[in-house]
PDB file of all heavy atoms in Angstrom:
ATOM      1  N   GLY A   1       6.577   5.769  -9.779  1.00  0.00           N
ATOM      2  CA  GLY A   1       5.232   6.226 -10.078  1.00  0.00           C
ATOM      3  C   GLY A   1       4.709   5.594 -11.341  1.00  0.00           C
ATOM      4  O   GLY A   1       5.457   5.010 -12.124  1.00  0.00           O
ATOM      5  N   ALA A   2       3.424   5.710 -11.526  1.00  0.00           N
ATOM      6  CA  ALA A   2       2.777   5.193 -12.720  1.00  0.00           C
ATOM      7  C   ALA A   2       1.528   6.019 -12.981  1.00  0.00           C
ATOM      8  O   ALA A   2       0.914   6.547 -12.053  1.00  0.00           O
ATOM      9  CB  ALA A   2       2.410   3.731 -12.535  1.00  0.00           C
ATOM     10  N   SER A   3       1.196   6.144 -14.246  1.00  0.00           N
ATOM     11  CA  SER A   3      -0.023   6.848 -14.646  1.00  0.00           C
ATOM     12  C   SER A   3      -0.978   5.850 -15.271  1.00  0.00           C
ATOM     13  O   SER A   3      -0.562   5.005 -16.067  1.00  0.00           O
ATOM     14  CB  SER A   3       0.291   7.948 -15.657  1.00  0.00           C
ATOM     15  OG  SER A   3       1.121   8.917 -15.071  1.00  0.00           O
ATOM     16  N   GLY A   4      -2.234   5.973 -14.912  1.00  0.00           N
ATOM     17  CA  GLY A   4      -3.246   5.097 -15.480  1.00  0.00           C
ATOM     18  C   GLY A   4      -3.890   5.712 -16.701  1.00  0.00           C
ATOM     19  O   GLY A   4      -3.711   6.893 -17.001  1.00  0.00           O
ATOM     20  N   LEU A   5      -4.634   4.916 -17.416  1.00  0.00           N
ATOM     21  CA  LEU A   5      -5.336   5.417 -18.600  1.00  0.00           C
ATOM     22  C   LEU A   5      -6.406   6.433 -18.242  1.00  0.00           C
ATOM     23  O   LEU A   5      -6.835   7.206 -19.087  1.00  0.00           O
ATOM     24  CB  LEU A   5      -5.953   4.249 -19.373  1.00  0.00           C
ATOM     25  CG  LEU A   5      -4.944   3.289 -20.014  1.00  0.00           C
ATOM     26  CD1 LEU A   5      -5.682   2.118 -20.662  1.00  0.00           C
ATOM     27  CD2 LEU A   5      -4.093   4.015 -21.029  1.00  0.00           C
ATOM     28  N   ASP A   6      -6.815   6.432 -16.966  1.00  0.00           N
ATOM     29  CA  ASP A   6      -7.843   7.385 -16.542  1.00  0.00           C
ATOM     30  C   ASP A   6      -7.252   8.751 -16.206  1.00  0.00           C
ATOM     31  O   ASP A   6      -7.959   9.654 -15.784  1.00  0.00           O
ATOM     32  CB  ASP A   6      -8.602   6.834 -15.332  1.00  0.00           C
ATOM     33  CG  ASP A   6      -7.697   6.566 -14.140  1.00  0.00           C
ATOM     34  OD1 ASP A   6      -6.462   6.771 -14.251  1.00  0.00           O
ATOM     35  OD2 ASP A   6      -8.222   6.143 -13.097  1.00  0.00           O
ATOM     36  N   GLY A   7      -5.931   8.911 -16.400  1.00  0.00           N
ATOM     37  CA  GLY A   7      -5.290  10.192 -16.128  1.00  0.00           C
ATOM     38  C   GLY A   7      -4.820  10.336 -14.691  1.00  0.00           C
ATOM     39  O   GLY A   7      -4.154  11.302 -14.345  1.00  0.00           O
ATOM     40  N   LYS A   8      -5.171   9.397 -13.841  1.00  0.00           N
ATOM     41  CA  LYS A   8      -4.733   9.453 -12.444  1.00  0.00           C
ATOM     42  C   LYS A   8      -3.346   8.833 -12.336  1.00  0.00           C
ATOM     43  O   LYS A   8      -2.991   7.943 -13.098  1.00  0.00           O
ATOM     44  CB  LYS A   8      -5.715   8.709 -11.548  1.00  0.00           C
ATOM     45  CG  LYS A   8      -7.078   9.350 -11.510  1.00  0.00           C
ATOM     46  CD  LYS A   8      -8.022   8.576 -10.632  1.00  0.00           C
ATOM     47  CE  LYS A   8      -9.388   9.238 -10.622  1.00  0.00           C
ATOM     48  NZ  LYS A   8     -10.348   8.463  -9.856  1.00  0.00           N
ATOM     49  N   SER A   9      -2.572   9.343 -11.383  1.00  0.00           N
ATOM     50  CA  SER A   9      -1.236   8.793 -11.213  1.00  0.00           C
ATOM     51  C   SER A   9      -1.016   8.413  -9.758  1.00  0.00           C
ATOM     52  O   SER A   9      -1.692   8.897  -8.854  1.00  0.00           O
ATOM     53  CB  SER A   9      -0.177   9.801 -11.664  1.00  0.00           C
ATOM     54  OG  SER A   9      -0.231  10.959 -10.872  1.00  0.00           O
ATOM     55  N   LEU A  10      -0.062   7.540  -9.569  1.00  0.00           N
ATOM     56  CA  LEU A  10       0.309   7.076  -8.245  1.00  0.00           C
ATOM     57  C   LEU A  10       1.807   7.266  -8.110  1.00  0.00           C
ATOM     58  O   LEU A  10       2.570   6.877  -8.985  1.00  0.00           O
ATOM     59  CB  LEU A  10      -0.041   5.595  -8.073  1.00  0.00           C
ATOM     60  CG  LEU A  10       0.512   4.905  -6.839  1.00  0.00           C
ATOM     61  CD1 LEU A  10      -0.172   5.440  -5.583  1.00  0.00           C
ATOM     62  CD2 LEU A  10       0.341   3.407  -6.942  1.00  0.00           C
ATOM     63  N   SER A  11       2.222   7.894  -7.026  1.00  0.00           N
ATOM     64  CA  SER A  11       3.640   8.071  -6.757  1.00  0.00           C
ATOM     65  C   SER A  11       3.942   7.530  -5.375  1.00  0.00           C
ATOM     66  O   SER A  11       3.218   7.801  -4.423  1.00  0.00           O
ATOM     67  CB  SER A  11       4.030   9.550  -6.805  1.00  0.00           C
ATOM     68  OG  SER A  11       3.934  10.042  -8.107  1.00  0.00           O
ATOM     69  N   LEU A  12       4.997   6.762  -5.284  1.00  0.00           N
ATOM     70  CA  LEU A  12       5.474   6.264  -4.003  1.00  0.00           C
ATOM     71  C   LEU A  12       6.856   6.853  -3.776  1.00  0.00           C
ATOM     72  O   LEU A  12       7.738   6.725  -4.628  1.00  0.00           O
ATOM     73  CB  LEU A  12       5.558   4.735  -4.005  1.00  0.00           C
ATOM     74  CG  LEU A  12       4.267   3.972  -4.180  1.00  0.00           C
ATOM     75  CD1 LEU A  12       4.546   2.470  -4.274  1.00  0.00           C
ATOM     76  CD2 LEU A  12       3.318   4.251  -3.032  1.00  0.00           C
ATOM     77  N   ARG A  13       7.034   7.512  -2.653  1.00  0.00           N
ATOM     78  CA  ARG A  13       8.328   8.088  -2.303  1.00  0.00           C
ATOM     79  C   ARG A  13       8.680   7.645  -0.897  1.00  0.00           C
ATOM     80  O   ARG A  13       7.812   7.420  -0.060  1.00  0.00           O
ATOM     81  CB  ARG A  13       8.273   9.611  -2.353  1.00  0.00           C
ATOM     82  CG  ARG A  13       7.958  10.137  -3.728  1.00  0.00           C
ATOM     83  CD  ARG A  13       8.650  11.441  -3.983  1.00  0.00           C
ATOM     84  NE  ARG A  13       8.321  12.017  -5.256  1.00  0.00           N
ATOM     85  CZ  ARG A  13       8.847  11.651  -6.415  1.00  0.00           C
ATOM     86  NH1 ARG A  13       9.728  10.694  -6.445  1.00  0.00           N
ATOM     87  NH2 ARG A  13       8.500  12.224  -7.534  1.00  0.00           N
ATOM     88  N   VAL A  14       9.988   7.573  -0.650  1.00  0.00           N
ATOM     89  CA  VAL A  14      10.444   7.189   0.671  1.00  0.00           C
ATOM     90  C   VAL A  14       9.970   8.219   1.690  1.00  0.00           C
ATOM     91  O   VAL A  14       9.482   7.892   2.756  1.00  0.00           O
ATOM     92  CB  VAL A  14      11.979   7.060   0.699  1.00  0.00           C
ATOM     93  CG1 VAL A  14      12.478   6.791   2.100  1.00  0.00           C
ATOM     94  CG2 VAL A  14      12.417   5.950  -0.244  1.00  0.00           C
ATOM     95  N   ALA A  15      10.118   9.490   1.358  1.00  0.00           N
ATOM     96  CA  ALA A  15       9.674  10.591   2.225  1.00  0.00           C
ATOM     97  C   ALA A  15       9.516  11.828   1.356  1.00  0.00           C
ATOM     98  O   ALA A  15      10.058  11.899   0.257  1.00  0.00           O
ATOM     99  CB  ALA A  15      10.688  10.855   3.334  1.00  0.00           C
ATOM    100  N   ILE A  16       8.791  12.801   1.849  1.00  0.00           N
ATOM    101  CA  ILE A  16       8.641  14.058   1.110  1.00  0.00           C
ATOM    102  C   ILE A  16       8.927  15.254   2.010  1.00  0.00           C
ATOM    103  O   ILE A  16       8.495  16.349   1.755  1.00  0.00           O
ATOM    104  CB  ILE A  16       7.244  14.195   0.478  1.00  0.00           C
ATOM    105  CG1 ILE A  16       6.150  14.041   1.539  1.00  0.00           C
ATOM    106  CG2 ILE A  16       7.057  13.207  -0.650  1.00  0.00           C
ATOM    107  CD1 ILE A  16       4.769  14.382   1.045  1.00  0.00           C
ATOM    108  N   SER A  17       9.712  15.034   3.044  1.00  0.00           N
ATOM    109  CA  SER A  17       9.930  16.093   4.021  1.00  0.00           C
ATOM    110  C   SER A  17      10.639  17.310   3.462  1.00  0.00           C
ATOM    111  O   SER A  17      10.498  18.403   3.982  1.00  0.00           O
ATOM    112  CB  SER A  17      10.708  15.542   5.218  1.00  0.00           C
ATOM    113  OG  SER A  17      11.954  15.028   4.803  1.00  0.00           O
ATOM    114  N   HIS A  18      11.401  17.152   2.379  1.00  0.00           N
ATOM    115  CA  HIS A  18      12.150  18.284   1.839  1.00  0.00           C
ATOM    116  C   HIS A  18      11.694  18.637   0.431  1.00  0.00           C
ATOM    117  O   HIS A  18      12.392  19.334  -0.289  1.00  0.00           O
ATOM    118  CB  HIS A  18      13.650  17.969   1.826  1.00  0.00           C
ATOM    119  CG  HIS A  18      14.153  17.567   3.168  1.00  0.00           C
ATOM    120  ND1 HIS A  18      14.298  18.449   4.200  1.00  0.00           N
ATOM    121  CD2 HIS A  18      14.509  16.356   3.654  1.00  0.00           C
ATOM    122  CE1 HIS A  18      14.740  17.806   5.266  1.00  0.00           C
ATOM    123  NE2 HIS A  18      14.868  16.535   4.963  1.00  0.00           N
ATOM    124  N   ALA A  19      10.544  18.161   0.040  1.00  0.00           N
ATOM    125  CA  ALA A  19      10.099  18.335  -1.337  1.00  0.00           C
ATOM    126  C   ALA A  19       9.874  19.794  -1.699  1.00  0.00           C
ATOM    127  O   ALA A  19      10.076  20.179  -2.835  1.00  0.00           O
ATOM    128  CB  ALA A  19       8.820  17.537  -1.588  1.00  0.00           C
ATOM    129  N   GLY A  20       9.481  20.630  -0.758  1.00  0.00           N
ATOM    130  CA  GLY A  20       9.172  22.019  -1.067  1.00  0.00           C
ATOM    131  C   GLY A  20      10.364  22.802  -1.561  1.00  0.00           C
ATOM    132  O   GLY A  20      10.292  23.503  -2.549  1.00  0.00           O
ATOM    133  N   ASN A  21      11.499  22.680  -0.898  1.00  0.00           N
ATOM    134  CA  ASN A  21      12.678  23.437  -1.322  1.00  0.00           C
ATOM    135  C   ASN A  21      13.831  22.508  -1.670  1.00  0.00           C
ATOM    136  O   ASN A  21      14.989  22.839  -1.471  1.00  0.00           O
ATOM    137  CB  ASN A  21      13.098  24.427  -0.236  1.00  0.00           C
ATOM    138  CG  ASN A  21      13.579  23.743   1.032  1.00  0.00           C
ATOM    139  OD1 ASN A  21      13.476  22.531   1.169  1.00  0.00           O
ATOM    140  ND2 ASN A  21      14.105  24.519   1.947  1.00  0.00           N
ATOM    141  N   ARG A  22      13.488  21.361  -2.186  1.00  0.00           N
ATOM    142  CA  ARG A  22      14.456  20.302  -2.464  1.00  0.00           C
ATOM    143  C   ARG A  22      15.148  19.944  -1.163  1.00  0.00           C
ATOM    144  O   ARG A  22      14.494  19.507  -0.254  1.00  0.00           O
ATOM    145  CB  ARG A  22      15.440  20.692  -3.570  1.00  0.00           C
ATOM    146  CG  ARG A  22      14.883  20.629  -4.962  1.00  0.00           C
ATOM    147  CD  ARG A  22      14.280  19.344  -5.320  1.00  0.00           C
ATOM    148  NE  ARG A  22      15.241  18.433  -5.951  1.00  0.00           N
ATOM    149  CZ  ARG A  22      14.923  17.210  -6.245  1.00  0.00           C
ATOM    150  NH1 ARG A  22      13.733  16.766  -5.989  1.00  0.00           N
ATOM    151  NH2 ARG A  22      15.780  16.427  -6.805  1.00  0.00           N
ATOM    152  N   TYR A  23      16.424  20.173  -1.042  1.00  0.00           N
ATOM    153  CA  TYR A  23      17.132  19.669   0.128  1.00  0.00           C
ATOM    154  C   TYR A  23      17.591  20.774   1.063  1.00  0.00           C
ATOM    155  O   TYR A  23      17.846  20.528   2.218  1.00  0.00           O
ATOM    156  CB  TYR A  23      18.304  18.805  -0.330  1.00  0.00           C
ATOM    157  CG  TYR A  23      17.861  17.795  -1.354  1.00  0.00           C
ATOM    158  CD1 TYR A  23      18.166  17.936  -2.691  1.00  0.00           C
ATOM    159  CD2 TYR A  23      17.072  16.718  -0.975  1.00  0.00           C
ATOM    160  CE1 TYR A  23      17.722  17.020  -3.627  1.00  0.00           C
ATOM    161  CE2 TYR A  23      16.618  15.799  -1.902  1.00  0.00           C
ATOM    162  CZ  TYR A  23      16.949  15.959  -3.231  1.00  0.00           C
ATOM    163  OH  TYR A  23      16.499  15.057  -4.137  1.00  0.00           O
ATOM    164  N   GLY A  24      17.716  21.991   0.532  1.00  0.00           N
ATOM    165  CA  GLY A  24      17.980  23.190   1.310  1.00  0.00           C
ATOM    166  C   GLY A  24      18.933  23.056   2.468  1.00  0.00           C
ATOM    167  O   GLY A  24      20.046  22.568   2.349  1.00  0.00           O
ATOM    168  N   GLU A  25      18.461  23.515   3.596  1.00  0.00           N
ATOM    169  CA  GLU A  25      19.292  23.598   4.794  1.00  0.00           C
ATOM    170  C   GLU A  25      19.817  22.251   5.276  1.00  0.00           C
ATOM    171  O   GLU A  25      20.983  22.165   5.675  1.00  0.00           O
ATOM    172  CB  GLU A  25      18.522  24.317   5.913  1.00  0.00           C
ATOM    173  CG  GLU A  25      19.397  24.772   7.056  1.00  0.00           C
ATOM    174  CD  GLU A  25      20.553  25.670   6.619  1.00  0.00           C
ATOM    175  OE1 GLU A  25      20.392  26.495   5.709  1.00  0.00           O
ATOM    176  OE2 GLU A  25      21.649  25.516   7.191  1.00  0.00           O
ATOM    177  N   PRO A  26      19.035  21.164   5.248  1.00  0.00           N
ATOM    178  CA  PRO A  26      19.595  19.884   5.699  1.00  0.00           C
ATOM    179  C   PRO A  26      20.840  19.464   4.902  1.00  0.00           C
ATOM    180  O   PRO A  26      21.799  18.962   5.475  1.00  0.00           O
ATOM    181  CB  PRO A  26      18.451  18.894   5.499  1.00  0.00           C
ATOM    182  CG  PRO A  26      17.220  19.732   5.589  1.00  0.00           C
ATOM    183  CD  PRO A  26      17.595  21.052   4.961  1.00  0.00           C
ATOM    184  N   LEU A  27      20.846  19.695   3.593  1.00  0.00           N
ATOM    185  CA  LEU A  27      22.020  19.353   2.797  1.00  0.00           C
ATOM    186  C   LEU A  27      23.191  20.268   3.143  1.00  0.00           C
ATOM    187  O   LEU A  27      24.327  19.824   3.256  1.00  0.00           O
ATOM    188  CB  LEU A  27      21.704  19.422   1.298  1.00  0.00           C
ATOM    189  CG  LEU A  27      22.829  18.975   0.371  1.00  0.00           C
ATOM    190  CD1 LEU A  27      23.181  17.509   0.615  1.00  0.00           C
ATOM    191  CD2 LEU A  27      22.448  19.197  -1.084  1.00  0.00           C
ATOM    192  N   ARG A  28      22.915  21.553   3.337  1.00  0.00           N
ATOM    193  CA  ARG A  28      23.961  22.521   3.699  1.00  0.00           C
ATOM    194  C   ARG A  28      24.638  22.124   5.009  1.00  0.00           C
ATOM    195  O   ARG A  28      25.850  22.253   5.147  1.00  0.00           O
ATOM    196  CB  ARG A  28      23.359  23.929   3.800  1.00  0.00           C
ATOM    197  CG  ARG A  28      24.364  25.017   4.108  1.00  0.00           C
ATOM    198  CD  ARG A  28      23.759  26.419   4.032  1.00  0.00           C
ATOM    199  NE  ARG A  28      23.667  26.821   2.629  1.00  0.00           N
ATOM    200  CZ  ARG A  28      22.547  26.839   1.899  1.00  0.00           C
ATOM    201  NH1 ARG A  28      21.393  26.515   2.442  1.00  0.00           N
ATOM    202  NH2 ARG A  28      22.566  27.205   0.642  1.00  0.00           N
ATOM    203  N   GLU A  29      23.862  21.621   5.958  1.00  0.00           N
ATOM    204  CA  GLU A  29      24.430  21.190   7.240  1.00  0.00           C
ATOM    205  C   GLU A  29      25.391  20.017   7.066  1.00  0.00           C
ATOM    206  O   GLU A  29      26.342  19.883   7.824  1.00  0.00           O
ATOM    207  CB  GLU A  29      23.312  20.804   8.213  1.00  0.00           C
ATOM    208  CG  GLU A  29      22.510  21.982   8.704  1.00  0.00           C
ATOM    209  CD  GLU A  29      21.294  21.569   9.527  1.00  0.00           C
ATOM    210  OE1 GLU A  29      21.158  20.366   9.854  1.00  0.00           O
ATOM    211  OE2 GLU A  29      20.465  22.452   9.827  1.00  0.00           O
ATOM    212  N   ILE A  30      25.159  19.196   6.056  1.00  0.00           N
ATOM    213  CA  ILE A  30      25.998  18.023   5.834  1.00  0.00           C
ATOM    214  C   ILE A  30      27.229  18.371   4.999  1.00  0.00           C
ATOM    215  O   ILE A  30      28.349  17.992   5.347  1.00  0.00           O
ATOM    216  CB  ILE A  30      25.199  16.889   5.150  1.00  0.00           C
ATOM    217  CG1 ILE A  30      24.026  16.462   6.039  1.00  0.00           C
ATOM    218  CG2 ILE A  30      26.105  15.701   4.829  1.00  0.00           C
ATOM    219  CD1 ILE A  30      23.015  15.574   5.330  1.00  0.00           C
ATOM    220  N   VAL A  31      27.030  19.070   3.882  1.00  0.00           N
ATOM    221  CA  VAL A  31      28.122  19.273   2.916  1.00  0.00           C
ATOM    222  C   VAL A  31      28.736  20.665   2.957  1.00  0.00           C
ATOM    223  O   VAL A  31      29.738  20.908   2.288  1.00  0.00           O
ATOM    224  CB  VAL A  31      27.671  18.942   1.473  1.00  0.00           C
ATOM    225  CG1 VAL A  31      27.180  17.512   1.381  1.00  0.00           C
ATOM    226  CG2 VAL A  31      26.626  19.926   0.968  1.00  0.00           C
ATOM    227  N   GLY A  32      28.145  21.588   3.681  1.00  0.00           N
ATOM    228  CA  GLY A  32      28.683  22.944   3.762  1.00  0.00           C
ATOM    229  C   GLY A  32      28.265  23.803   2.582  1.00  0.00           C
ATOM    230  O   GLY A  32      27.662  23.323   1.614  1.00  0.00           O
ATOM    231  N   GLU A  33      28.605  25.078   2.669  1.00  0.00           N
ATOM    232  CA  GLU A  33      28.204  26.047   1.632  1.00  0.00           C
ATOM    233  C   GLU A  33      28.837  25.718   0.278  1.00  0.00           C
ATOM    234  O   GLU A  33      28.172  25.742  -0.752  1.00  0.00           O
ATOM    235  CB  GLU A  33      28.590  27.462   2.072  1.00  0.00           C
ATOM    236  CG  GLU A  33      27.970  28.551   1.219  1.00  0.00           C
ATOM    237  CD  GLU A  33      26.446  28.561   1.287  1.00  0.00           C
ATOM    238  OE1 GLU A  33      25.883  28.359   2.373  1.00  0.00           O
ATOM    239  OE2 GLU A  33      25.812  28.764   0.230  1.00  0.00           O
ATOM    240  N   ASP A  34      30.130  25.407   0.281  1.00  0.00           N
ATOM    241  CA  ASP A  34      30.802  25.073  -0.970  1.00  0.00           C
ATOM    242  C   ASP A  34      30.207  23.796  -1.577  1.00  0.00           C
ATOM    243  O   ASP A  34      30.022  23.710  -2.788  1.00  0.00           O
ATOM    244  CB  ASP A  34      32.308  24.896  -0.753  1.00  0.00           C
ATOM    245  CG  ASP A  34      33.029  24.608  -2.054  1.00  0.00           C
ATOM    246  OD1 ASP A  34      32.933  25.432  -2.985  1.00  0.00           O
ATOM    247  OD2 ASP A  34      33.669  23.537  -2.146  1.00  0.00           O
ATOM    248  N   GLY A  35      29.891  22.828  -0.736  1.00  0.00           N
ATOM    249  CA  GLY A  35      29.285  21.591  -1.212  1.00  0.00           C
ATOM    250  C   GLY A  35      27.926  21.831  -1.854  1.00  0.00           C
ATOM    251  O   GLY A  35      27.591  21.204  -2.859  1.00  0.00           O
ATOM    252  N   VAL A  36      27.141  22.747  -1.289  1.00  0.00           N
ATOM    253  CA  VAL A  36      25.830  23.085  -1.880  1.00  0.00           C
ATOM    254  C   VAL A  36      26.020  23.739  -3.239  1.00  0.00           C
ATOM    255  O   VAL A  36      25.307  23.423  -4.197  1.00  0.00           O
ATOM    256  CB  VAL A  36      24.999  23.976  -0.927  1.00  0.00           C
ATOM    257  CG1 VAL A  36      23.777  24.544  -1.629  1.00  0.00           C
ATOM    258  CG2 VAL A  36      24.577  23.191   0.303  1.00  0.00           C
ATOM    259  N   LYS A  37      26.991  24.648  -3.345  1.00  0.00           N
ATOM    260  CA  LYS A  37      27.256  25.293  -4.645  1.00  0.00           C
ATOM    261  C   LYS A  37      27.651  24.252  -5.680  1.00  0.00           C
ATOM    262  O   LYS A  37      27.162  24.275  -6.814  1.00  0.00           O
ATOM    263  CB  LYS A  37      28.359  26.338  -4.509  1.00  0.00           C
ATOM    264  CG  LYS A  37      27.925  27.602  -3.808  1.00  0.00           C
ATOM    265  CD  LYS A  37      29.082  28.567  -3.666  1.00  0.00           C
ATOM    266  CE  LYS A  37      28.655  29.781  -2.837  1.00  0.00           C
ATOM    267  NZ  LYS A  37      29.770  30.662  -2.543  1.00  0.00           N
ATOM    268  N   ARG A  38      28.519  23.331  -5.279  1.00  0.00           N
ATOM    269  CA  ARG A  38      28.939  22.284  -6.204  1.00  0.00           C
ATOM    270  C   ARG A  38      27.784  21.344  -6.533  1.00  0.00           C
ATOM    271  O   ARG A  38      27.660  20.864  -7.653  1.00  0.00           O
ATOM    272  CB  ARG A  38      30.130  21.525  -5.622  1.00  0.00           C
ATOM    273  CG  ARG A  38      31.391  22.392  -5.628  1.00  0.00           C
ATOM    274  CD  ARG A  38      32.584  21.735  -5.003  1.00  0.00           C
ATOM    275  NE  ARG A  38      32.934  20.477  -5.666  1.00  0.00           N
ATOM    276  CZ  ARG A  38      33.785  19.604  -5.155  1.00  0.00           C
ATOM    277  NH1 ARG A  38      34.373  19.843  -3.997  1.00  0.00           N
ATOM    278  NH2 ARG A  38      34.062  18.496  -5.798  1.00  0.00           N
ATOM    279  N   PHE A  39      26.910  21.077  -5.553  1.00  0.00           N
ATOM    280  CA  PHE A  39      25.742  20.230  -5.806  1.00  0.00           C
ATOM    281  C   PHE A  39      24.802  20.894  -6.808  1.00  0.00           C
ATOM    282  O   PHE A  39      24.267  20.233  -7.711  1.00  0.00           O
ATOM    283  CB  PHE A  39      24.984  19.934  -4.511  1.00  0.00           C
ATOM    284  CG  PHE A  39      23.750  19.105  -4.740  1.00  0.00           C
ATOM    285  CD1 PHE A  39      23.850  17.732  -4.891  1.00  0.00           C
ATOM    286  CD2 PHE A  39      22.496  19.696  -4.821  1.00  0.00           C
ATOM    287  CE1 PHE A  39      22.715  16.955  -5.126  1.00  0.00           C
ATOM    288  CE2 PHE A  39      21.369  18.932  -5.061  1.00  0.00           C
ATOM    289  CZ  PHE A  39      21.481  17.561  -5.206  1.00  0.00           C
TER     290      PHE A  39
END
């Protein structure tokens, strides 16, 4: 991302599908409950 002098900013992300709750359930499905706690 970058911010301009006009106060506007631009952000480029690969995806934002999990931005609301970070990684939540999709991460739990991969690493398990203990893995989420450790994460």
